[in-house]
Protein backbone atom coordinates (compact mmCIF):
# COMPACT_ATOMS: atom_id res chain seq x y z
CA UNK A 1 126.89 230.27 67.05
CA UNK A 2 127.17 229.15 70.70
CA UNK A 3 123.53 230.13 71.31
CA UNK A 4 122.39 228.08 68.33
CA UNK A 5 124.43 225.07 69.41
CA UNK A 6 123.17 225.38 73.00
CA UNK A 7 119.62 225.72 71.74
CA UNK A 8 120.03 222.68 69.53
CA UNK A 9 121.42 220.65 72.45
CA UNK A 10 118.58 221.72 74.72
CA UNK A 11 116.02 220.95 72.00
CA UNK A 12 117.63 217.57 71.37
CA UNK A 13 117.58 216.73 75.10
CA UNK A 14 113.94 217.82 75.40
CA UNK A 15 112.92 215.87 72.33
CA UNK A 16 114.59 212.67 73.54
CA UNK A 17 112.76 212.93 76.86
CA UNK A 18 109.47 214.36 75.56
CA UNK A 19 107.57 211.30 76.74
CA UNK A 20 108.13 212.54 80.35
CA UNK A 21 107.10 215.85 81.87
CA UNK A 22 107.81 217.43 85.24
CA UNK A 23 104.68 217.77 87.39
CA UNK A 24 105.22 219.05 90.91
CA UNK A 25 108.83 217.87 90.93
CA UNK A 26 107.93 214.38 89.65
CA UNK A 27 108.62 213.00 86.21
CA UNK A 28 105.39 211.57 84.79
CA UNK A 29 104.48 209.91 81.52
CA UNK A 30 103.33 212.37 78.84
CA UNK A 31 101.97 209.74 76.44
CA UNK A 32 98.25 209.07 76.00
CA UNK A 33 97.04 205.85 77.59
CA UNK A 34 97.13 202.85 75.30
CA UNK A 35 93.82 201.18 74.60
CA UNK A 36 94.03 197.48 75.31
CA UNK A 37 92.67 195.51 72.37
CA UNK A 38 92.60 191.79 71.83
CA UNK A 39 92.59 190.76 68.19
CA UNK A 40 91.61 187.34 66.89
CA UNK A 41 92.31 186.23 63.32
CA UNK A 42 89.46 184.52 61.49
CA UNK A 43 89.86 182.07 58.62
CA UNK A 44 89.23 183.84 55.31
CA UNK A 45 86.49 181.32 54.46
CA UNK A 46 84.45 182.45 57.52
CA UNK A 47 82.92 185.76 58.54
CA UNK A 48 84.14 187.46 61.74
CA UNK A 49 81.78 187.34 64.72
CA UNK A 50 78.97 189.94 64.69
CA UNK A 51 79.58 190.55 60.93
CA UNK A 52 76.28 191.02 59.04
CA UNK A 53 75.67 187.81 57.10
CA UNK A 54 73.60 189.66 54.48
CA UNK A 55 76.39 192.11 53.62
CA UNK A 56 77.30 191.77 49.90
CA UNK A 57 80.72 190.23 49.45
CA UNK A 58 82.47 189.67 46.14
CA UNK A 59 82.65 185.96 45.24
CA UNK A 60 86.19 184.72 44.71
CA UNK A 61 87.81 187.92 46.01
CA UNK A 62 91.22 187.63 47.69
CA UNK A 63 90.73 188.27 51.43
CA UNK A 64 93.76 190.12 52.85
CA UNK A 65 92.51 190.71 56.44
CA UNK A 66 89.79 189.00 58.44
CA UNK A 67 89.59 189.42 62.23
CA UNK A 68 87.71 190.55 65.30
CA UNK A 69 89.11 193.00 67.83
CA UNK A 70 87.64 193.71 71.28
CA UNK A 71 88.51 196.52 73.68
CA UNK A 72 88.48 196.07 77.46
CA UNK A 73 85.40 198.31 77.51
CA UNK A 74 83.55 195.70 75.44
CA UNK A 75 83.46 197.29 71.99
CA UNK A 76 83.90 194.63 69.31
CA UNK A 77 85.04 195.40 65.79
CA UNK A 78 84.75 192.84 63.01
CA UNK A 79 86.92 193.57 60.00
CA UNK A 80 87.20 192.05 56.54
CA UNK A 81 89.42 193.50 53.82
CA UNK A 82 89.49 192.14 50.30
CA UNK A 83 90.80 192.97 46.85
CA UNK A 84 88.08 193.65 44.32
CA UNK A 85 87.84 193.30 40.57
CA UNK A 86 84.89 195.70 40.41
CA UNK A 87 85.24 199.45 39.95
CA UNK A 88 84.96 201.77 42.93
CA UNK A 89 81.76 203.19 41.46
CA UNK A 90 80.23 199.69 41.19
CA UNK A 91 81.16 198.86 44.80
CA UNK A 92 80.00 202.25 46.06
CA UNK A 93 76.57 201.67 44.52
CA UNK A 94 76.37 198.08 45.84
CA UNK A 95 77.20 199.10 49.43
CA UNK A 96 75.17 202.31 49.47
CA UNK A 97 72.15 200.42 48.15
CA UNK A 98 72.69 197.68 50.76
CA UNK A 99 72.84 200.19 53.62
CA UNK A 100 69.60 201.85 52.52
CA UNK A 101 67.73 198.54 51.99
CA UNK A 102 68.98 197.11 55.30
CA UNK A 103 67.77 200.22 57.22
CA UNK A 104 71.23 201.53 58.17
CA UNK A 105 71.38 205.30 58.71
CA UNK A 106 74.16 206.76 56.54
CA UNK A 107 76.06 209.26 58.71
CA UNK A 108 78.93 210.12 56.35
CA UNK A 109 79.36 209.67 52.63
CA UNK A 110 82.60 210.48 50.78
CA UNK A 111 82.55 209.87 47.03
CA UNK A 112 85.90 210.75 45.44
CA UNK A 113 87.57 209.35 42.31
CA UNK A 114 90.12 207.11 44.12
CA UNK A 115 88.47 206.79 47.55
CA UNK A 116 84.93 206.25 48.72
CA UNK A 117 83.79 205.95 52.33
CA UNK A 118 80.40 205.13 53.80
CA UNK A 119 79.79 205.41 57.54
CA UNK A 120 76.46 204.14 58.82
CA UNK A 121 74.76 203.23 62.09
CA UNK A 122 71.98 200.89 63.11
CA UNK A 123 71.04 200.32 66.74
CA UNK A 124 74.23 199.90 68.76
CA UNK A 125 76.30 199.07 65.66
CA UNK A 126 78.37 201.26 63.37
CA UNK A 127 79.70 200.22 59.96
CA UNK A 128 82.49 201.85 58.04
CA UNK A 129 83.10 200.81 54.42
CA UNK A 130 86.30 202.15 52.87
CA UNK A 131 86.91 201.65 49.13
CA UNK A 132 90.37 202.55 47.85
CA UNK A 133 92.08 202.34 44.51
CA UNK A 134 95.84 202.37 43.97
CA UNK A 135 97.75 201.96 40.71
CA UNK A 136 97.86 198.19 41.15
CA UNK A 137 94.82 197.10 43.15
CA UNK A 138 91.46 198.20 44.49
CA UNK A 139 90.47 197.14 47.99
CA UNK A 140 87.32 197.14 50.07
CA UNK A 141 87.66 197.43 53.86
CA UNK A 142 84.55 196.56 55.85
CA UNK A 143 84.53 197.44 59.56
CA UNK A 144 81.56 196.68 61.78
CA UNK A 145 81.74 197.87 65.38
CA UNK A 146 79.24 196.66 67.96
CA UNK A 147 79.09 198.04 71.49
CA UNK A 148 78.74 195.20 73.96
CA UNK A 149 78.59 194.97 77.69
CA UNK A 150 82.10 194.68 79.13
CA UNK A 151 82.72 191.38 80.95
CA UNK A 152 82.13 191.60 84.68
CA UNK A 153 84.94 190.92 87.15
CA UNK A 154 83.28 187.61 88.01
CA UNK A 155 83.46 186.28 84.43
CA UNK A 156 87.07 187.26 83.79
């Protein structure tokens, strides 16, 4: 009983301080570095920067997220999420056909009953299209990532 209690106390103390580890007698941070990202909201009536203008979008759909995000290393992601009235199968066909016709290389293709994902690349861009269905709503999440040159120290 004492051993279990002592073990529980030691475990609890370790767990509370698990973000620090002892390295050579010094306590150092054990957490992975956080990626610095700046995110900018975009009006739902506009497309995020670097977003393909020929990408099929459902007319009249409720846009729930619309933004660009840029890492300090210069990778920009443009994201648009909307609720759809079409079936997942209809959207899957629309976006898969688009990727093929627009010369995107499909790298990953998941086609399940309640979730469909297409991952494609073209040049220095990558696109991820996630189609989900819940009991109440179906959503389409469009992510386009474009590698860009990080700003130089002179332009900051």
